[in-house]
Structures are given as C-alpha cells and as structure tokens.
Amino acid sequence: MTFKQGCLAGLKYFLMLCGLIFLGQLVAPYLTSWGASADQPQYLFATVTKGPLETLVSSTGTLAALETVEVGTQVSGTISRLEVDYNDHVRKGQVLAVLDQALFAAQVREAEANVAKARATLAQSEDEYRRNRPLFDKGFLSAQEFLPISTGVDTAKAALAAAEASLARAQTNLAYTVIRSPIDGTVIKRSVEAGQTVAASLNTPTLFLIARDLAQMRIEADVDESDIGQIRNGQPVRFTVQSQPGEAFQGTVSQIRLQPRTISNVVNYTVLIDAKNDKGLLLPGMTATIDFVVNRVENALLAPNAALRFQPQDETFDKGKAATVADKGAADEKTGRLFTLGADGRLQSVTVTKGETDGVKTVVSGAGVREELQVVSGLKPAEKASKGNFFSFLRPPRGAGGPR
C-alpha cells in the first residue's frame, strides 16, 4: 500500500467515525424520551382559579305582555268602520270601531215615543183623579166606582217607568255600537274587518287585544318537578331570545303556579317572570332561553370537575394511601382530592372540601389549595408516530411497554 492509499483509507475511517458520532447525538434524545415515557405517564394539567360561581336551573318560556285586555262587543251588528289597526297606541276611551247604528237609533226613537205616550196617559189619569176625588169625598161616588180611577194613576206611573227603562236600554245599546278602549295601551291583535257582522251571545266575540304596557313583559316558563324546589319568588333570572343573540336580559320570578301540567310524561309547573323591556327588543310570543340563578358565590377558589374526578392508576402514587383517601371521600361527599406533580415526578394528594358546583367547576377549600395551583386533570392521549419523522422506526411497537 502506498502512502497516498494509506492516507485515503485513514480519511475514510475518520469520516465514518464522525458520521457515527453525529448519528448517535441525533438518536440519543429520542431514546432518552422513549425511555422516560415508557417509565412515566404523561399528565394533563388544569389550574385552580379564583372568581364567582353560579348555580343555574335552565328552562324555556314564552314572552307575553304583562297585562292584556280582550275588547269585545255587547251588541250584535255590522262593523261600519274601524278606527285603529295593529300596533296603534290608544288611550282609555278612544274609539276603536263603530257598528251600524241605524237599527239602534230607530229603537231609541221608538222608546222615546213610548215614554211620551206614557206621560200623556199619566197626565190624563191624574186629571181624572183630581176631578173625581171631591165627588168621592162627598159621597157621590162609591169606593167601588172610585177604585179604577185611583188605580189608573198608579198604572200610568208604572207604564211611564217601564217606558223610561226601555228608553234607557235603547240608548245604552246605541252607545254600545261605539267600541272604545278600556285602557291605555297598544293594539296587538285585531280580529275583525269593516263590513263584518259580529254576534253578541253568551261568549262575547273578541274584536281587539290590547296590551297595557309593552315596556313590561312577562315570561311563562315550564320548570320540571326535579328543579321546582330550587325556584323561589324574587329570584333573579337571566334570559336570551333568538332575535337578539348578543343581548342578555334580566328578570325576576313573580309567581310559581301550583297547578301542575304534564308535558311528554314529565310533570311541569308554570313559573311567571317579570322583565323590563325599555329598549323594545322583546316582543310578545318570543321564545326565551332562561337561567334561574339558584346560588352565586363570590371570590371562590374553583377547581375543574375533571381534576376532582381524576384517579391515579400507576406506580407514581401510593395505591394503599389512595384507596384509604378514596374510601373517606366516598363516605363524605363534601370531601375530594386534587393531585399535583412533585419535583420528583410523583403525584401528591391535596384533600379539599367541595362546595357549590355548576357542572364544570366546583368551589374548593383546604389548607393545601391556592389560586394558580396546577392540578392533574387526566392523562394525555396516545401519541402516534409521525410519518414524516425519520427516526419513527426507533419507537417500540404497540404492546411492547412503550407509550400508547
């Protein structure tokens, strides 16, 4: 071998050695992480926060005006003209509609004529009484002859009273042909058209529906029997409507009706909620999604429910101690555990007292719990080898004891 060939061979071995060293440096981190992950599980962490927590009962309901009045008619007839329409604001006593008055005016005139006739008859009877009274007093007329004369006066007075009553009834019916608003409010429904005939009977037909004040609204909500025990008068309520998705409205429970209703085999109770409508965004008939605020806690330490449900299943925690604490927690529903990761990589248990919960977070207290505390909420999901990773072949196959 010549000197030149020896130099080339040495250079070749030197480059091979450098390549092996470089390859080892690249592979070492993957082998280290694989070994660590094979020995120790990977955890998900959550943070204990501080703030308010509300306990809610959810329901749905329908918006309606706080007070509505159905305006009908007390006499039958044909609608001659309409004076108002939908959404019109009306005042008390304002004319809403007028019925055809021809027949009722004729009845008034007839009643007036009967009154005039009855008055004339009474005057005649009183004159006859005045002429025959002296004769009866002097004995020229017997009591039997004078009786029809005196009775005639009383009969004429009764006839006049009946005629006057008929006149008053006819005048009242004529006044009923003008339909007026009984309150100040807004017309939200009109059930008749001009020229339509309406018949007053035992069930008075509804011509108009007037809401007293649309600045005050009422919600009728259905609350099932499992939640009705948490509802009380004066309880604050939040609700939203589909037409205003970004707006949250406030209300107050005003009444809990005791009459149950069965809806889809579930017993429900009607709860009335009063709400202000100063902006006019709420309309009658809208569907409201309601949250009854059952309880509110201020400035409380809040732990995720997932962290309270977490139970260690590996060698990084003393299983005997865990079983003892779990048994104690089962005996006392107010006691729970949170797990933190110590500096040595082992789990540490923190016993806490549980309070109110909203289904996502729970109020916790205890000597070892504080704001910003990092607690274990679960295990990380299995990591799959990346197709584009050149060193993916170094990962152990499934079932070989490595991470899943």
Protein backbone atom coordinates (compact mmCIF):
# COMPACT_ATOMS: atom_id res chain seq x y z
CA MET A 1 0.00 0.00 0.00
CA THR A 2 1.37 3.37 -0.97
CA PHE A 3 1.44 6.39 1.26
CA LYS A 4 -1.34 8.01 -0.73
CA GLN A 5 -3.61 4.98 -0.42
CA GLY A 6 -2.95 4.84 3.33
CA CYS A 7 -3.95 8.48 3.72
CA LEU A 8 -7.19 7.94 1.81
CA ALA A 9 -8.05 4.87 3.90
CA GLY A 10 -7.41 6.78 7.12
CA LEU A 11 -9.56 9.66 5.94
CA LYS A 12 -12.34 7.23 5.08
CA TYR A 13 -12.33 5.69 8.57
CA PHE A 14 -12.19 9.13 10.14
CA LEU A 15 -15.27 10.31 8.21
CA MET A 16 -17.15 7.13 9.14
CA LEU A 17 -16.34 7.70 12.81
CA CYS A 18 -17.56 11.30 12.65
CA GLY A 19 -20.79 10.16 10.99
CA LEU A 20 -21.43 7.59 13.70
CA ILE A 21 -20.82 10.19 16.41
CA PHE A 22 -23.21 12.64 14.71
CA LEU A 23 -25.86 9.94 14.28
CA GLY A 24 -25.54 8.97 17.94
CA GLN A 25 -26.09 12.56 19.02
CA LEU A 26 -29.27 12.74 16.94
CA VAL A 27 -30.66 9.44 18.17
CA ALA A 28 -29.84 9.93 21.87
CA PRO A 29 -32.68 12.41 22.66
CA TYR A 30 -35.27 10.10 21.08
CA LEU A 31 -34.01 7.12 23.02
CA THR A 32 -33.99 9.16 26.23
CA SER A 33 -37.53 10.47 25.71
CA TRP A 34 -38.75 6.99 24.77
CA GLY A 35 -37.29 5.52 27.92
CA ALA A 36 -38.73 8.29 30.08
CA SER A 37 -42.16 8.00 28.50
CA ALA A 38 -42.09 4.27 28.94
CA ASP A 39 -41.46 4.66 32.65
CA GLN A 40 -43.64 7.67 33.48
CA PRO A 41 -47.16 8.57 32.22
CA GLN A 42 -47.83 11.98 30.71
CA TYR A 43 -50.45 14.11 32.50
CA LEU A 44 -52.87 16.84 31.54
CA PHE A 45 -52.94 19.80 33.90
CA ALA A 46 -55.58 22.36 34.90
CA THR A 47 -55.35 25.50 37.02
CA VAL A 48 -57.25 26.38 40.19
CA THR A 49 -58.79 29.80 39.54
CA LYS A 50 -60.49 32.38 41.72
CA GLY A 51 -63.74 34.11 40.87
CA PRO A 52 -67.55 33.92 41.06
CA LEU A 53 -69.56 30.74 40.50
CA GLU A 54 -73.27 30.48 39.80
CA THR A 55 -75.57 27.51 40.20
CA LEU A 56 -78.25 27.64 37.49
CA VAL A 57 -81.51 25.96 36.54
CA SER A 58 -82.25 26.21 32.83
CA SER A 59 -85.64 26.30 31.14
CA THR A 60 -87.55 27.84 28.24
CA GLY A 61 -90.63 30.03 28.16
CA THR A 62 -92.79 32.32 26.06
CA LEU A 63 -92.89 36.11 26.29
CA ALA A 64 -96.19 37.91 26.70
CA ALA A 65 -97.38 41.37 27.68
CA LEU A 66 -97.62 41.94 31.41
CA GLU A 67 -101.35 42.76 31.14
CA THR A 68 -103.67 42.31 28.16
CA VAL A 69 -107.37 43.12 27.75
CA GLU A 70 -109.71 41.47 25.27
CA VAL A 71 -112.14 44.01 23.82
CA GLY A 72 -115.44 42.59 22.57
CA THR A 73 -118.94 43.80 21.75
CA GLN A 74 -122.10 43.68 23.85
CA VAL A 75 -124.48 44.11 20.91
CA SER A 76 -124.76 42.39 17.55
CA GLY A 77 -124.35 44.23 14.30
CA THR A 78 -122.20 45.03 11.29
CA ILE A 79 -118.84 46.79 11.62
CA SER A 80 -119.40 50.17 10.00
CA ARG A 81 -115.84 51.43 10.33
CA LEU A 82 -112.54 50.66 12.08
CA GLU A 83 -110.58 53.44 13.73
CA VAL A 84 -107.38 51.55 14.75
CA ASP A 85 -105.06 48.89 13.38
CA TYR A 86 -102.22 46.64 14.60
CA ASN A 87 -99.55 48.30 16.78
CA ASP A 88 -101.57 51.51 17.22
CA HIS A 89 -101.19 53.21 20.60
CA VAL A 90 -104.59 54.01 22.11
CA ARG A 91 -105.83 55.96 25.10
CA LYS A 92 -108.58 55.00 27.51
CA GLY A 93 -111.97 55.87 25.97
CA GLN A 94 -110.61 56.16 22.42
CA VAL A 95 -112.92 54.87 19.67
CA LEU A 96 -111.73 51.57 18.22
CA ALA A 97 -114.65 50.66 15.94
CA VAL A 98 -118.26 51.65 15.23
CA LEU A 99 -121.18 49.32 14.45
CA ASP A 100 -124.03 50.23 12.10
CA GLN A 101 -126.31 52.45 14.25
CA ALA A 102 -129.46 52.69 12.11
CA LEU A 103 -131.42 49.96 13.87
CA PHE A 104 -130.35 51.09 17.34
CA ALA A 105 -131.20 54.72 16.62
CA ALA A 106 -134.69 53.63 15.49
CA GLN A 107 -135.12 51.71 18.74
CA VAL A 108 -134.23 54.83 20.69
CA ARG A 109 -136.81 56.90 18.80
CA GLU A 110 -139.45 54.24 19.40
CA ALA A 111 -138.63 54.17 23.10
CA GLU A 112 -138.84 57.98 23.25
CA ALA A 113 -142.29 57.83 21.67
CA ASN A 114 -143.43 55.24 24.21
CA VAL A 115 -142.20 57.50 27.01
CA ALA A 116 -144.16 60.44 25.60
CA LYS A 117 -147.27 58.27 25.32
CA ALA A 118 -146.88 57.02 28.89
CA ARG A 119 -146.54 60.58 30.17
CA ALA A 120 -149.70 61.63 28.38
CA THR A 121 -151.60 58.70 29.83
CA LEU A 122 -150.34 59.57 33.30
CA ALA A 123 -151.42 63.19 32.88
CA GLN A 124 -154.88 62.07 31.82
CA SER A 125 -155.17 59.68 34.77
CA GLU A 126 -154.04 62.34 37.25
CA ASP A 127 -156.58 64.86 35.83
CA GLU A 128 -159.39 62.34 36.13
CA TYR A 129 -158.32 61.59 39.69
CA ARG A 130 -158.37 65.30 40.62
CA ARG A 131 -161.91 65.73 39.22
CA ASN A 132 -163.40 62.68 40.93
CA ARG A 133 -161.73 62.97 44.29
CA PRO A 134 -164.11 65.66 45.63
CA LEU A 135 -167.09 63.62 44.49
CA PHE A 136 -165.76 60.58 46.32
CA ASP A 137 -165.13 62.65 49.45
CA LYS A 138 -168.77 63.96 49.42
CA GLY A 139 -170.19 60.50 48.89
CA PHE A 140 -171.42 60.97 45.36
CA LEU A 141 -169.07 58.13 44.21
CA SER A 142 -168.82 54.79 45.89
CA ALA A 143 -165.46 53.21 46.73
CA GLN A 144 -166.01 50.63 44.01
CA GLU A 145 -166.51 53.38 41.43
CA PHE A 146 -163.51 55.41 42.60
CA LEU A 147 -161.07 52.46 42.79
CA PRO A 148 -160.40 52.17 38.98
CA ILE A 149 -159.75 55.92 38.87
CA SER A 150 -157.13 55.87 41.66
CA THR A 151 -155.59 52.65 40.34
CA GLY A 152 -155.34 54.19 36.87
CA VAL A 153 -152.91 56.78 38.20
CA ASP A 154 -150.59 54.10 39.64
CA THR A 155 -150.86 52.06 36.47
CA ALA A 156 -149.94 55.11 34.36
CA LYS A 157 -146.93 55.82 36.59
CA ALA A 158 -145.73 52.20 36.23
CA ALA A 159 -146.18 52.35 32.47
CA LEU A 160 -144.15 55.56 32.33
CA ALA A 161 -141.35 53.97 34.40
CA ALA A 162 -141.29 50.95 32.06
CA ALA A 163 -141.16 53.19 29.02
CA GLU A 164 -138.31 55.20 30.51
CA ALA A 165 -136.42 51.98 31.26
CA SER A 166 -136.89 50.82 27.69
CA LEU A 167 -135.58 54.17 26.51
CA ALA A 168 -132.51 53.86 28.74
CA ARG A 169 -131.85 50.35 27.40
CA ALA A 170 -132.17 51.53 23.81
CA GLN A 171 -129.82 54.44 24.48
CA THR A 172 -127.32 52.11 26.14
CA ASN A 173 -127.40 49.72 23.18
CA LEU A 174 -126.86 52.67 20.85
CA ALA A 175 -123.83 53.70 22.94
CA TYR A 176 -122.50 50.11 22.76
CA THR A 177 -122.28 50.43 18.98
CA VAL A 178 -119.25 52.65 19.58
CA ILE A 179 -116.48 50.35 20.85
CA ARG A 180 -113.92 52.18 22.98
CA SER A 181 -110.61 51.21 24.55
CA PRO A 182 -110.91 50.37 28.27
CA ILE A 183 -107.21 51.10 28.96
CA ASP A 184 -104.16 52.92 27.67
CA GLY A 185 -102.07 50.52 25.65
CA THR A 186 -101.08 49.06 22.27
CA VAL A 187 -103.28 47.10 19.87
CA ILE A 188 -101.52 43.76 19.35
CA LYS A 189 -104.42 41.92 17.72
CA ARG A 190 -107.39 42.88 15.50
CA SER A 191 -109.88 40.13 14.67
CA VAL A 192 -112.45 41.99 12.52
CA GLU A 193 -112.70 43.87 9.26
CA ALA A 194 -115.03 46.65 8.15
CA GLY A 195 -118.34 45.18 6.91
CA GLN A 196 -118.04 42.06 9.05
CA THR A 197 -121.06 41.05 11.15
CA VAL A 198 -120.47 40.26 14.81
CA ALA A 199 -122.96 38.47 17.04
CA ALA A 200 -123.03 39.03 20.79
CA SER A 201 -124.04 35.90 22.68
CA LEU A 202 -123.05 34.08 25.85
CA ASN A 203 -119.44 34.12 24.58
CA THR A 204 -118.62 37.70 23.67
CA PRO A 205 -116.50 37.78 20.49
CA THR A 206 -113.03 39.28 20.84
CA LEU A 207 -112.52 42.14 18.41
CA PHE A 208 -109.24 43.60 19.70
CA LEU A 209 -106.46 42.54 22.06
CA ILE A 210 -104.77 45.47 23.81
CA ALA A 211 -101.55 45.26 25.84
CA ARG A 212 -101.38 47.79 28.62
CA ASP A 213 -97.61 48.43 28.57
CA LEU A 214 -95.07 46.67 26.36
CA ALA A 215 -92.25 48.22 28.42
CA GLN A 216 -93.06 45.50 30.97
CA MET A 217 -93.07 41.90 29.76
CA ARG A 218 -93.89 38.56 31.35
CA ILE A 219 -92.46 35.10 30.65
CA GLU A 220 -94.37 31.89 31.30
CA ALA A 221 -91.69 29.23 31.85
CA ASP A 222 -92.14 25.48 32.38
CA VAL A 223 -89.95 24.07 35.16
CA ASP A 224 -89.97 20.31 35.76
CA GLU A 225 -90.62 18.81 39.17
CA SER A 226 -86.96 17.92 39.79
CA ASP A 227 -85.95 21.62 39.69
CA ILE A 228 -89.03 23.44 41.00
CA GLY A 229 -87.79 23.13 44.59
CA GLN A 230 -84.89 25.48 43.73
CA ILE A 231 -87.17 28.24 42.40
CA ARG A 232 -88.48 30.97 44.71
CA ASN A 233 -90.30 34.31 44.41
CA GLY A 234 -87.98 37.26 43.83
CA GLN A 235 -85.23 35.03 42.40
CA PRO A 236 -83.04 36.73 39.74
CA VAL A 237 -83.26 35.37 36.20
CA ARG A 238 -81.21 35.80 33.03
CA PHE A 239 -82.62 35.01 29.60
CA THR A 240 -81.92 35.41 25.90
CA VAL A 241 -84.07 35.42 22.76
CA GLN A 242 -83.10 34.22 19.30
CA SER A 243 -83.66 37.60 17.67
CA GLN A 244 -81.05 39.22 19.95
CA PRO A 245 -78.33 36.57 20.41
CA GLY A 246 -75.79 39.02 21.84
CA GLU A 247 -78.13 40.56 24.39
CA ALA A 248 -78.70 39.20 27.90
CA PHE A 249 -81.91 40.30 29.62
CA GLN A 250 -82.68 40.36 33.33
CA GLY A 251 -85.88 39.35 35.10
CA THR A 252 -87.37 38.37 38.44
CA VAL A 253 -89.59 35.44 39.43
CA SER A 254 -93.01 36.88 40.35
CA GLN A 255 -95.17 33.78 40.79
CA ILE A 256 -94.96 29.98 41.00
CA ARG A 257 -98.28 28.43 39.99
CA LEU A 258 -99.19 25.31 41.93
CA GLN A 259 -101.29 23.74 39.17
CA PRO A 260 -99.07 21.07 37.52
CA ARG A 261 -99.02 20.26 33.83
CA THR A 262 -97.78 17.01 32.29
CA ILE A 263 -95.67 17.52 29.16
CA SER A 264 -94.19 14.41 27.49
CA ASN A 265 -94.80 12.40 30.68
CA VAL A 266 -92.88 14.97 32.75
CA VAL A 267 -94.64 16.99 35.46
CA ASN A 268 -94.03 20.72 34.97
CA TYR A 269 -95.00 23.84 36.89
CA THR A 270 -95.58 27.27 35.37
CA VAL A 271 -93.28 30.00 36.69
CA LEU A 272 -94.02 33.66 35.86
CA ILE A 273 -91.08 36.01 35.32
CA ASP A 274 -91.37 39.80 35.07
CA ALA A 275 -88.83 41.63 32.88
CA LYS A 276 -88.31 45.19 31.71
CA ASN A 277 -88.41 45.99 28.01
CA ASP A 278 -87.10 49.54 27.97
CA LYS A 279 -85.39 49.12 24.57
CA GLY A 280 -88.43 47.48 22.98
CA LEU A 281 -86.40 44.47 21.83
CA LEU A 282 -88.77 41.92 23.39
CA LEU A 283 -91.97 41.10 21.52
CA PRO A 284 -94.97 39.00 22.60
CA GLY A 285 -94.70 35.36 21.55
CA MET A 286 -90.89 35.16 21.50
CA THR A 287 -89.23 32.06 22.95
CA ALA A 288 -86.87 32.81 25.82
CA THR A 289 -83.99 30.60 26.99
CA ILE A 290 -83.91 31.09 30.75
CA ASP A 291 -81.33 30.61 33.50
CA PHE A 292 -82.62 30.81 37.07
CA VAL A 293 -79.76 31.90 39.35
CA VAL A 294 -80.13 29.47 42.27
CA ASN A 295 -76.95 30.49 44.09
CA ARG A 296 -73.93 32.72 43.49
CA VAL A 297 -70.57 32.53 45.29
CA GLU A 298 -68.11 35.42 45.04
CA ASN A 299 -64.28 35.22 45.15
CA ALA A 300 -64.16 31.43 45.50
CA LEU A 301 -61.39 29.01 44.58
CA LEU A 302 -62.62 26.99 41.61
CA ALA A 303 -61.27 23.61 40.53
CA PRO A 304 -62.31 21.83 37.31
CA ASN A 305 -64.54 18.84 37.93
CA ALA A 306 -62.24 16.75 35.74
CA ALA A 307 -59.42 17.29 38.26
CA LEU A 308 -61.68 16.19 41.13
CA ARG A 309 -62.65 13.04 39.22
CA PHE A 310 -59.05 12.05 38.37
CA GLN A 311 -57.79 8.84 40.00
CA PRO A 312 -54.12 7.73 39.63
CA GLN A 313 -53.59 4.25 38.16
CA ASP A 314 -49.78 3.88 38.17
CA GLU A 315 -46.81 3.34 40.45
CA THR A 316 -46.10 7.03 40.87
CA PHE A 317 -48.63 7.19 43.73
CA ASP A 318 -49.07 5.14 46.89
CA LYS A 319 -52.11 2.98 45.96
CA GLY A 320 -52.77 1.94 49.52
CA LYS A 321 -52.96 5.55 50.63
CA ALA A 322 -55.07 6.39 47.59
CA ALA A 323 -57.58 3.68 48.48
CA THR A 324 -57.83 4.98 52.04
CA VAL A 325 -58.46 8.55 50.90
CA ALA A 326 -60.93 7.33 48.26
CA ASP A 327 -62.92 5.43 50.87
CA LYS A 328 -63.02 8.51 53.06
CA GLY A 329 -64.16 10.62 50.12
CA ALA A 330 -66.91 8.13 49.31
CA ALA A 331 -68.15 8.34 52.89
CA ASP A 332 -68.17 12.13 52.78
CA GLU A 333 -69.48 13.64 49.54
CA LYS A 334 -68.11 17.03 50.55
CA THR A 335 -64.53 15.74 50.60
CA GLY A 336 -62.45 15.43 47.44
CA ARG A 337 -58.87 15.14 46.25
CA LEU A 338 -56.68 17.09 43.87
CA PHE A 339 -53.35 15.77 42.61
CA THR A 340 -50.24 17.81 41.93
CA LEU A 341 -46.92 16.72 40.43
CA GLY A 342 -43.98 16.94 42.80
CA ALA A 343 -40.39 17.81 41.91
CA ASP A 344 -39.51 14.10 41.96
CA GLY A 345 -42.17 13.36 39.32
CA ARG A 346 -44.50 11.62 41.78
CA LEU A 347 -48.13 12.59 42.42
CA GLN A 348 -49.04 14.36 45.63
CA SER A 349 -52.60 14.37 47.01
CA VAL A 350 -54.30 17.53 48.30
CA THR A 351 -57.51 16.95 50.30
CA VAL A 352 -60.16 19.63 49.71
CA THR A 353 -63.69 20.41 50.83
CA LYS A 354 -66.15 20.73 47.95
CA GLY A 355 -68.85 23.38 47.78
CA GLU A 356 -71.22 24.59 45.06
CA THR A 357 -70.78 23.35 41.50
CA ASP A 358 -72.09 24.44 38.12
CA GLY A 359 -71.31 21.11 36.46
CA VAL A 360 -67.95 22.31 35.09
CA LYS A 361 -66.19 23.80 38.10
CA THR A 362 -66.57 23.29 41.85
CA VAL A 363 -65.84 25.57 44.79
CA VAL A 364 -62.97 24.04 46.81
CA SER A 365 -61.24 24.97 50.04
CA GLY A 366 -58.47 23.48 52.13
CA ALA A 367 -55.05 24.09 53.60
CA GLY A 368 -53.15 22.97 50.51
CA VAL A 369 -55.22 24.62 47.80
CA ARG A 370 -54.47 28.08 46.41
CA GLU A 371 -55.04 30.19 43.33
CA GLU A 372 -52.97 29.25 40.22
CA LEU A 373 -52.28 25.78 41.65
CA GLN A 374 -51.54 23.32 38.82
CA VAL A 375 -53.52 20.10 39.33
CA VAL A 376 -53.74 16.92 37.28
CA SER A 377 -56.95 16.61 35.26
CA GLY A 378 -56.21 13.43 33.26
CA LEU A 379 -53.76 11.51 31.11
CA LYS A 380 -52.52 12.70 27.76
CA PRO A 381 -53.89 10.78 24.78
CA ALA A 382 -51.68 8.26 22.98
CA GLU A 383 -49.06 9.84 20.71
CA LYS A 384 -48.82 8.23 17.28
CA ALA A 385 -45.56 8.08 15.32
CA SER A 386 -45.32 10.77 12.67
CA LYS A 387 -44.96 9.52 9.09
CA GLY A 388 -42.55 12.28 8.23
CA ASN A 389 -40.20 11.61 11.17
CA PHE A 390 -37.05 9.90 10.00
CA PHE A 391 -36.50 8.33 13.47
CA SER A 392 -40.04 6.99 13.84
CA PHE A 393 -38.72 3.48 13.32
CA LEU A 394 -36.97 3.79 16.69
CA ARG A 395 -40.31 3.86 18.55
CA PRO A 396 -41.33 0.48 20.03
CA PRO A 397 -44.34 -1.32 18.57
CA ARG A 398 -47.71 -1.31 20.34
CA GLY A 399 -47.90 -3.67 23.28
CA ALA A 400 -44.15 -3.52 23.86
CA GLY A 401 -44.49 -1.47 27.04
CA GLY A 402 -43.94 1.97 25.49
CA PRO A 403 -46.41 4.88 25.45
CA ARG A 404 -49.62 4.37 23.52
